[in-house]
Amino acid sequence: MLTIGKVIFKPADILILFAASILTLWLYSIFWFSANQQGEAEILRVQFADNPPLEYTLSEDRTIVLAGKIGDSLIEIKQGKARFIHSACRNQFCVFHGWLTVAGDSTACLPNRISISLKSALSDYDAIAGSQ
């Protein structure tokens, strides 16, 4: 038996805690790391307002100007990455988010109703609706 403060742990308690810890770490590694291995990002998907999504290749550097609900947003694609470089929103959380680099990464400017996400050829799901 192991005593910590006023709590007495029996051998079975220790075994259960150990097994639960191992199970938690195993599940974390499976669901966290396999979800992030969607392949190399190849496409920027842009969803704004009620318009159909637009897709741009990440292999070509460009700046995209989108007219959102409260003003223009600028999105930059450079060296296989994408980011908001300006938006008409007050807090600029979308700009402060920085570069999207991995397939599955996404950010949004909610006041301007614009979201961007990266996809790969292996992606089964998009970041907005849950399926293609």
N, C-alpha and C. Protein backbone atom coordinates (compact mmCIF):
# COMPACT_ATOMS: atom_id res chain seq x y z
N MET A 1 0.83 -1.19 0.00
CA MET A 1 0.00 0.00 0.00
C MET A 1 0.87 1.25 0.00
N LEU A 2 0.35 2.27 -0.63
CA LEU A 2 1.04 3.56 -0.73
C LEU A 2 0.13 4.60 -0.10
N THR A 3 0.67 5.43 0.77
CA THR A 3 -0.11 6.46 1.44
C THR A 3 0.41 7.83 1.02
N ILE A 4 -0.49 8.65 0.50
CA ILE A 4 -0.17 10.03 0.15
C ILE A 4 -1.16 10.90 0.91
N GLY A 5 -0.68 11.60 1.93
CA GLY A 5 -1.56 12.38 2.79
C GLY A 5 -2.49 11.44 3.53
N LYS A 6 -3.79 11.65 3.38
CA LYS A 6 -4.78 10.80 4.03
C LYS A 6 -5.33 9.73 3.10
N VAL A 7 -4.82 9.69 1.86
CA VAL A 7 -5.32 8.74 0.87
C VAL A 7 -4.42 7.51 0.86
N ILE A 8 -5.04 6.36 0.92
CA ILE A 8 -4.31 5.09 0.89
C ILE A 8 -4.57 4.43 -0.47
N PHE A 9 -3.50 4.20 -1.22
CA PHE A 9 -3.61 3.54 -2.51
C PHE A 9 -3.24 2.07 -2.35
N LYS A 10 -4.14 1.23 -2.82
CA LYS A 10 -3.87 -0.21 -2.83
C LYS A 10 -3.20 -0.56 -4.14
N PRO A 11 -2.58 -1.74 -4.26
CA PRO A 11 -1.92 -2.12 -5.51
C PRO A 11 -2.85 -2.05 -6.73
N ALA A 12 -4.11 -2.41 -6.57
CA ALA A 12 -5.05 -2.36 -7.68
C ALA A 12 -5.30 -0.92 -8.12
N ASP A 13 -5.34 0.02 -7.15
CA ASP A 13 -5.52 1.43 -7.49
C ASP A 13 -4.35 1.94 -8.33
N ILE A 14 -3.15 1.57 -7.94
CA ILE A 14 -1.96 2.00 -8.67
C ILE A 14 -1.96 1.40 -10.07
N LEU A 15 -2.35 0.14 -10.19
CA LEU A 15 -2.41 -0.51 -11.49
C LEU A 15 -3.44 0.18 -12.40
N ILE A 16 -4.59 0.54 -11.88
CA ILE A 16 -5.63 1.22 -12.66
C ILE A 16 -5.15 2.60 -13.11
N LEU A 17 -4.51 3.35 -12.22
CA LEU A 17 -3.98 4.66 -12.58
C LEU A 17 -2.91 4.55 -13.67
N PHE A 18 -2.05 3.56 -13.54
CA PHE A 18 -0.99 3.35 -14.53
C PHE A 18 -1.61 2.98 -15.89
N ALA A 19 -2.57 2.05 -15.89
CA ALA A 19 -3.22 1.63 -17.13
C ALA A 19 -3.98 2.80 -17.78
N ALA A 20 -4.65 3.62 -16.97
CA ALA A 20 -5.38 4.77 -17.51
C ALA A 20 -4.41 5.79 -18.11
N SER A 21 -3.27 5.98 -17.49
CA SER A 21 -2.26 6.91 -18.02
C SER A 21 -1.71 6.43 -19.35
N ILE A 22 -1.39 5.15 -19.43
CA ILE A 22 -0.87 4.58 -20.68
C ILE A 22 -1.93 4.68 -21.78
N LEU A 23 -3.17 4.35 -21.47
CA LEU A 23 -4.26 4.42 -22.45
C LEU A 23 -4.45 5.86 -22.94
N THR A 24 -4.41 6.81 -22.03
CA THR A 24 -4.57 8.21 -22.41
C THR A 24 -3.45 8.66 -23.35
N LEU A 25 -2.22 8.34 -23.04
CA LEU A 25 -1.09 8.70 -23.91
C LEU A 25 -1.18 8.03 -25.27
N TRP A 26 -1.59 6.78 -25.29
CA TRP A 26 -1.73 6.05 -26.55
C TRP A 26 -2.82 6.69 -27.42
N LEU A 27 -3.99 6.97 -26.83
CA LEU A 27 -5.08 7.59 -27.59
C LEU A 27 -4.70 8.99 -28.07
N TYR A 28 -4.02 9.73 -27.24
CA TYR A 28 -3.56 11.07 -27.62
C TYR A 28 -2.64 10.98 -28.84
N SER A 29 -1.70 10.06 -28.81
CA SER A 29 -0.77 9.94 -29.94
C SER A 29 -1.47 9.52 -31.22
N ILE A 30 -2.44 8.64 -31.11
CA ILE A 30 -3.17 8.19 -32.31
C ILE A 30 -4.02 9.30 -32.89
N PHE A 31 -4.84 9.95 -32.07
CA PHE A 31 -5.79 10.92 -32.59
C PHE A 31 -5.17 12.29 -32.85
N TRP A 32 -4.15 12.68 -32.12
CA TRP A 32 -3.53 13.98 -32.35
C TRP A 32 -2.57 13.93 -33.53
N PHE A 33 -1.64 13.00 -33.50
CA PHE A 33 -0.60 13.00 -34.52
C PHE A 33 -1.10 12.47 -35.86
N SER A 34 -1.99 11.50 -35.87
CA SER A 34 -2.50 11.01 -37.16
C SER A 34 -3.41 12.04 -37.80
N ALA A 35 -4.10 12.86 -37.01
CA ALA A 35 -4.95 13.91 -37.58
C ALA A 35 -4.12 14.99 -38.24
N ASN A 36 -2.91 15.19 -37.76
CA ASN A 36 -2.05 16.23 -38.33
C ASN A 36 -1.24 15.72 -39.51
N GLN A 37 -1.32 14.46 -39.85
CA GLN A 37 -0.56 13.91 -40.96
C GLN A 37 -1.48 13.73 -42.17
N GLN A 38 -2.00 14.84 -42.65
CA GLN A 38 -2.93 14.81 -43.77
C GLN A 38 -2.22 15.01 -45.09
N GLY A 39 -0.92 15.10 -45.07
CA GLY A 39 -0.18 15.33 -46.28
C GLY A 39 0.27 16.78 -46.37
N GLU A 40 1.07 17.05 -47.37
CA GLU A 40 1.58 18.40 -47.57
C GLU A 40 0.48 19.30 -48.09
N ALA A 41 0.41 20.51 -47.54
CA ALA A 41 -0.60 21.47 -47.97
C ALA A 41 -0.35 21.87 -49.42
N GLU A 42 -1.39 21.84 -50.23
CA GLU A 42 -1.28 22.17 -51.64
C GLU A 42 -2.28 23.23 -52.08
N ILE A 43 -3.37 23.39 -51.33
CA ILE A 43 -4.47 24.25 -51.77
C ILE A 43 -4.91 25.15 -50.62
N LEU A 44 -5.17 26.41 -50.94
CA LEU A 44 -5.80 27.33 -49.99
C LEU A 44 -7.27 27.40 -50.34
N ARG A 45 -8.10 27.10 -49.37
CA ARG A 45 -9.55 27.18 -49.57
C ARG A 45 -10.06 28.41 -48.84
N VAL A 46 -10.76 29.28 -49.58
CA VAL A 46 -11.27 30.53 -49.04
C VAL A 46 -12.79 30.49 -49.08
N GLN A 47 -13.40 30.70 -47.92
CA GLN A 47 -14.86 30.76 -47.83
C GLN A 47 -15.23 32.15 -47.33
N PHE A 48 -16.05 32.88 -48.07
CA PHE A 48 -16.47 34.19 -47.59
C PHE A 48 -17.94 34.42 -47.85
N ALA A 49 -18.57 35.00 -46.83
CA ALA A 49 -20.00 35.30 -46.84
C ALA A 49 -20.78 34.05 -47.26
N ASP A 50 -21.71 34.21 -48.17
CA ASP A 50 -22.52 33.08 -48.62
C ASP A 50 -22.09 32.61 -50.00
N ASN A 51 -20.90 32.96 -50.40
CA ASN A 51 -20.40 32.59 -51.72
C ASN A 51 -19.82 31.18 -51.70
N PRO A 52 -19.77 30.52 -52.85
CA PRO A 52 -19.12 29.20 -52.89
C PRO A 52 -17.63 29.36 -52.59
N PRO A 53 -17.01 28.34 -52.02
CA PRO A 53 -15.59 28.45 -51.68
C PRO A 53 -14.71 28.60 -52.92
N LEU A 54 -13.63 29.36 -52.75
CA LEU A 54 -12.63 29.53 -53.79
C LEU A 54 -11.40 28.74 -53.39
N GLU A 55 -10.70 28.20 -54.36
CA GLU A 55 -9.47 27.45 -54.07
C GLU A 55 -8.33 28.00 -54.91
N TYR A 56 -7.18 28.16 -54.26
CA TYR A 56 -5.97 28.66 -54.91
C TYR A 56 -4.83 27.70 -54.63
N THR A 57 -3.97 27.51 -55.59
CA THR A 57 -2.81 26.65 -55.40
C THR A 57 -1.77 27.39 -54.55
N LEU A 58 -1.09 26.68 -53.69
CA LEU A 58 -0.05 27.27 -52.86
C LEU A 58 1.29 27.35 -53.57
N SER A 59 1.37 26.80 -54.76
CA SER A 59 2.64 26.80 -55.49
C SER A 59 2.93 28.12 -56.18
N GLU A 60 1.93 28.99 -56.25
CA GLU A 60 2.08 30.29 -56.93
C GLU A 60 1.89 31.41 -55.91
N ASP A 61 2.92 32.24 -55.72
CA ASP A 61 2.83 33.36 -54.79
C ASP A 61 1.87 34.41 -55.34
N ARG A 62 0.99 34.91 -54.45
CA ARG A 62 0.02 35.92 -54.88
C ARG A 62 -0.59 36.60 -53.65
N THR A 63 -1.24 37.72 -53.90
CA THR A 63 -2.03 38.41 -52.89
C THR A 63 -3.46 38.45 -53.39
N ILE A 64 -4.38 38.07 -52.52
CA ILE A 64 -5.80 37.98 -52.88
C ILE A 64 -6.55 39.06 -52.10
N VAL A 65 -7.37 39.84 -52.80
CA VAL A 65 -8.20 40.85 -52.16
C VAL A 65 -9.64 40.34 -52.19
N LEU A 66 -10.25 40.25 -51.00
CA LEU A 66 -11.63 39.78 -50.90
C LEU A 66 -12.48 40.85 -50.23
N ALA A 67 -13.64 41.12 -50.81
CA ALA A 67 -14.58 42.07 -50.23
C ALA A 67 -15.47 41.32 -49.25
N GLY A 68 -15.24 41.53 -47.97
CA GLY A 68 -16.04 40.88 -46.93
C GLY A 68 -17.21 41.73 -46.52
N LYS A 69 -17.85 41.34 -45.45
CA LYS A 69 -19.05 42.02 -44.99
C LYS A 69 -18.77 43.45 -44.53
N ILE A 70 -17.60 43.69 -43.89
CA ILE A 70 -17.31 45.03 -43.37
C ILE A 70 -16.18 45.73 -44.11
N GLY A 71 -15.60 45.10 -45.11
CA GLY A 71 -14.53 45.72 -45.87
C GLY A 71 -13.63 44.69 -46.51
N ASP A 72 -12.54 45.16 -47.08
CA ASP A 72 -11.61 44.28 -47.80
C ASP A 72 -10.67 43.55 -46.85
N SER A 73 -10.35 42.33 -47.20
CA SER A 73 -9.32 41.55 -46.52
C SER A 73 -8.27 41.17 -47.54
N LEU A 74 -7.00 41.19 -47.12
CA LEU A 74 -5.89 40.79 -47.99
C LEU A 74 -5.33 39.49 -47.47
N ILE A 75 -5.21 38.52 -48.36
CA ILE A 75 -4.65 37.22 -48.03
C ILE A 75 -3.42 37.02 -48.89
N GLU A 76 -2.34 36.60 -48.26
CA GLU A 76 -1.08 36.40 -48.98
C GLU A 76 -0.75 34.92 -49.05
N ILE A 77 -0.37 34.47 -50.23
CA ILE A 77 0.17 33.12 -50.43
C ILE A 77 1.63 33.30 -50.81
N LYS A 78 2.51 32.67 -50.05
CA LYS A 78 3.94 32.82 -50.32
C LYS A 78 4.68 31.57 -49.85
N GLN A 79 5.48 30.99 -50.73
CA GLN A 79 6.32 29.83 -50.43
C GLN A 79 5.54 28.68 -49.78
N GLY A 80 4.36 28.40 -50.31
CA GLY A 80 3.56 27.28 -49.84
C GLY A 80 2.83 27.52 -48.54
N LYS A 81 2.75 28.77 -48.09
CA LYS A 81 2.06 29.14 -46.86
C LYS A 81 1.02 30.22 -47.19
N ALA A 82 0.10 30.44 -46.27
CA ALA A 82 -0.91 31.48 -46.48
C ALA A 82 -1.21 32.18 -45.16
N ARG A 83 -1.65 33.45 -45.26
CA ARG A 83 -2.01 34.22 -44.07
C ARG A 83 -2.86 35.42 -44.46
N PHE A 84 -3.57 35.97 -43.46
CA PHE A 84 -4.21 37.26 -43.60
C PHE A 84 -3.12 38.31 -43.40
N ILE A 85 -3.01 39.28 -44.29
CA ILE A 85 -2.06 40.37 -44.04
C ILE A 85 -2.78 41.66 -43.65
N HIS A 86 -4.09 41.73 -43.93
CA HIS A 86 -4.89 42.87 -43.49
C HIS A 86 -6.36 42.46 -43.54
N SER A 87 -7.12 43.01 -42.61
CA SER A 87 -8.56 42.81 -42.66
C SER A 87 -9.23 44.05 -42.06
N ALA A 88 -10.48 44.24 -42.38
CA ALA A 88 -11.21 45.43 -41.93
C ALA A 88 -11.72 45.30 -40.50
N CYS A 89 -11.51 44.16 -39.87
CA CYS A 89 -12.02 43.97 -38.51
C CYS A 89 -11.21 44.78 -37.50
N ARG A 90 -11.80 44.99 -36.32
CA ARG A 90 -11.19 45.85 -35.32
C ARG A 90 -10.04 45.16 -34.57
N ASN A 91 -10.21 43.91 -34.16
CA ASN A 91 -9.22 43.24 -33.30
C ASN A 91 -8.05 42.61 -34.04
N GLN A 92 -8.19 42.33 -35.32
CA GLN A 92 -7.12 41.78 -36.15
C GLN A 92 -6.63 40.40 -35.69
N PHE A 93 -7.48 39.61 -35.04
CA PHE A 93 -7.09 38.26 -34.61
C PHE A 93 -6.66 37.41 -35.79
N CYS A 94 -7.34 37.58 -36.91
CA CYS A 94 -7.00 36.79 -38.11
C CYS A 94 -5.59 37.12 -38.59
N VAL A 95 -5.19 38.37 -38.50
CA VAL A 95 -3.85 38.78 -38.92
C VAL A 95 -2.81 38.27 -37.92
N PHE A 96 -3.11 38.39 -36.63
CA PHE A 96 -2.18 37.95 -35.59
C PHE A 96 -1.99 36.44 -35.57
N HIS A 97 -2.93 35.70 -36.16
CA HIS A 97 -2.80 34.23 -36.20
C HIS A 97 -1.53 33.82 -36.93
N GLY A 98 -1.14 34.56 -37.94
CA GLY A 98 0.11 34.29 -38.66
C GLY A 98 -0.09 33.31 -39.81
N TRP A 99 1.00 32.65 -40.16
CA TRP A 99 1.04 31.77 -41.33
C TRP A 99 0.32 30.46 -41.07
N LEU A 100 -0.44 30.01 -42.05
CA LEU A 100 -0.97 28.65 -42.08
C LEU A 100 0.04 27.84 -42.88
N THR A 101 0.53 26.74 -42.33
CA THR A 101 1.63 26.02 -42.97
C THR A 101 1.34 24.55 -43.25
N VAL A 102 0.41 23.95 -42.51
CA VAL A 102 0.18 22.51 -42.58
C VAL A 102 -1.26 22.26 -43.02
N ALA A 103 -1.46 21.23 -43.81
CA ALA A 103 -2.82 20.86 -44.23
C ALA A 103 -3.69 20.68 -42.99
N GLY A 104 -4.85 21.29 -43.02
CA GLY A 104 -5.75 21.25 -41.87
C GLY A 104 -5.72 22.54 -41.06
N ASP A 105 -4.68 23.36 -41.20
CA ASP A 105 -4.64 24.65 -40.52
C ASP A 105 -5.73 25.55 -41.06
N SER A 106 -6.32 26.37 -40.18
CA SER A 106 -7.34 27.31 -40.63
C SER A 106 -7.40 28.50 -39.69
N THR A 107 -7.93 29.57 -40.18
CA THR A 107 -8.22 30.76 -39.38
C THR A 107 -9.37 31.49 -40.05
N ALA A 108 -9.94 32.44 -39.31
CA ALA A 108 -11.10 33.14 -39.85
C ALA A 108 -11.15 34.57 -39.33
N CYS A 109 -11.73 35.43 -40.12
CA CYS A 109 -12.07 36.79 -39.70
C CYS A 109 -13.60 36.78 -39.57
N LEU A 110 -14.08 36.56 -38.37
CA LEU A 110 -15.52 36.40 -38.17
C LEU A 110 -16.31 37.67 -38.46
N PRO A 111 -15.85 38.86 -38.05
CA PRO A 111 -16.64 40.05 -38.38
C PRO A 111 -16.77 40.27 -39.89
N ASN A 112 -15.76 39.88 -40.62
CA ASN A 112 -15.76 40.06 -42.07
C ASN A 112 -16.31 38.84 -42.82
N ARG A 113 -16.61 37.77 -42.07
CA ARG A 113 -17.19 36.53 -42.61
C ARG A 113 -16.31 35.88 -43.67
N ILE A 114 -14.99 35.80 -43.37
CA ILE A 114 -14.04 35.16 -44.29
C ILE A 114 -13.24 34.15 -43.51
N SER A 115 -13.12 32.94 -44.03
CA SER A 115 -12.27 31.93 -43.41
C SER A 115 -11.35 31.34 -44.48
N ILE A 116 -10.15 30.94 -44.04
CA ILE A 116 -9.20 30.32 -44.94
C ILE A 116 -8.69 29.04 -44.29
N SER A 117 -8.41 28.04 -45.11
CA SER A 117 -7.87 26.78 -44.60
C SER A 117 -7.00 26.15 -45.68
N LEU A 118 -6.05 25.33 -45.23
CA LEU A 118 -5.16 24.63 -46.15
C LEU A 118 -5.62 23.20 -46.33
N LYS A 119 -5.52 22.71 -47.55
CA LYS A 119 -5.90 21.33 -47.87
C LYS A 119 -4.76 20.64 -48.58
N SER A 120 -4.79 19.34 -48.55
CA SER A 120 -3.85 18.55 -49.35
C SER A 120 -4.66 17.65 -50.27
N ALA A 121 -3.97 16.96 -51.13
CA ALA A 121 -4.65 16.00 -52.00
C ALA A 121 -5.20 14.84 -51.19
N LEU A 122 -4.66 14.61 -50.00
CA LEU A 122 -5.10 13.51 -49.15
C LEU A 122 -6.24 13.88 -48.22
N SER A 123 -6.63 15.16 -48.16
CA SER A 123 -7.65 15.62 -47.21
C SER A 123 -8.99 14.96 -47.49
N ASP A 124 -9.58 14.41 -46.44
CA ASP A 124 -10.92 13.85 -46.54
C ASP A 124 -11.97 14.86 -46.09
N TYR A 125 -11.55 15.83 -45.26
CA TYR A 125 -12.48 16.76 -44.67
C TYR A 125 -11.98 18.18 -44.87
N ASP A 126 -12.92 19.11 -44.99
CA ASP A 126 -12.52 20.51 -44.97
C ASP A 126 -12.73 21.04 -43.56
N ALA A 127 -12.24 22.21 -43.28
CA ALA A 127 -12.26 22.73 -41.93
C ALA A 127 -13.60 23.38 -41.57
N ILE A 128 -14.48 23.54 -42.53
CA ILE A 128 -15.71 24.27 -42.27
C ILE A 128 -16.89 23.34 -42.08
N ALA A 129 -17.13 22.46 -43.01
CA ALA A 129 -18.34 21.65 -42.99
C ALA A 129 -18.13 20.24 -42.47
N GLY A 130 -16.93 19.73 -42.46
CA GLY A 130 -16.69 18.39 -41.98
C GLY A 130 -16.60 17.35 -43.08
N SER A 131 -17.03 17.66 -44.28
CA SER A 131 -16.88 16.72 -45.39
C SER A 131 -16.91 17.50 -46.70
N GLN A 132 -16.41 16.87 -47.73
CA GLN A 132 -16.37 17.56 -49.02
C GLN A 132 -17.60 17.29 -49.81
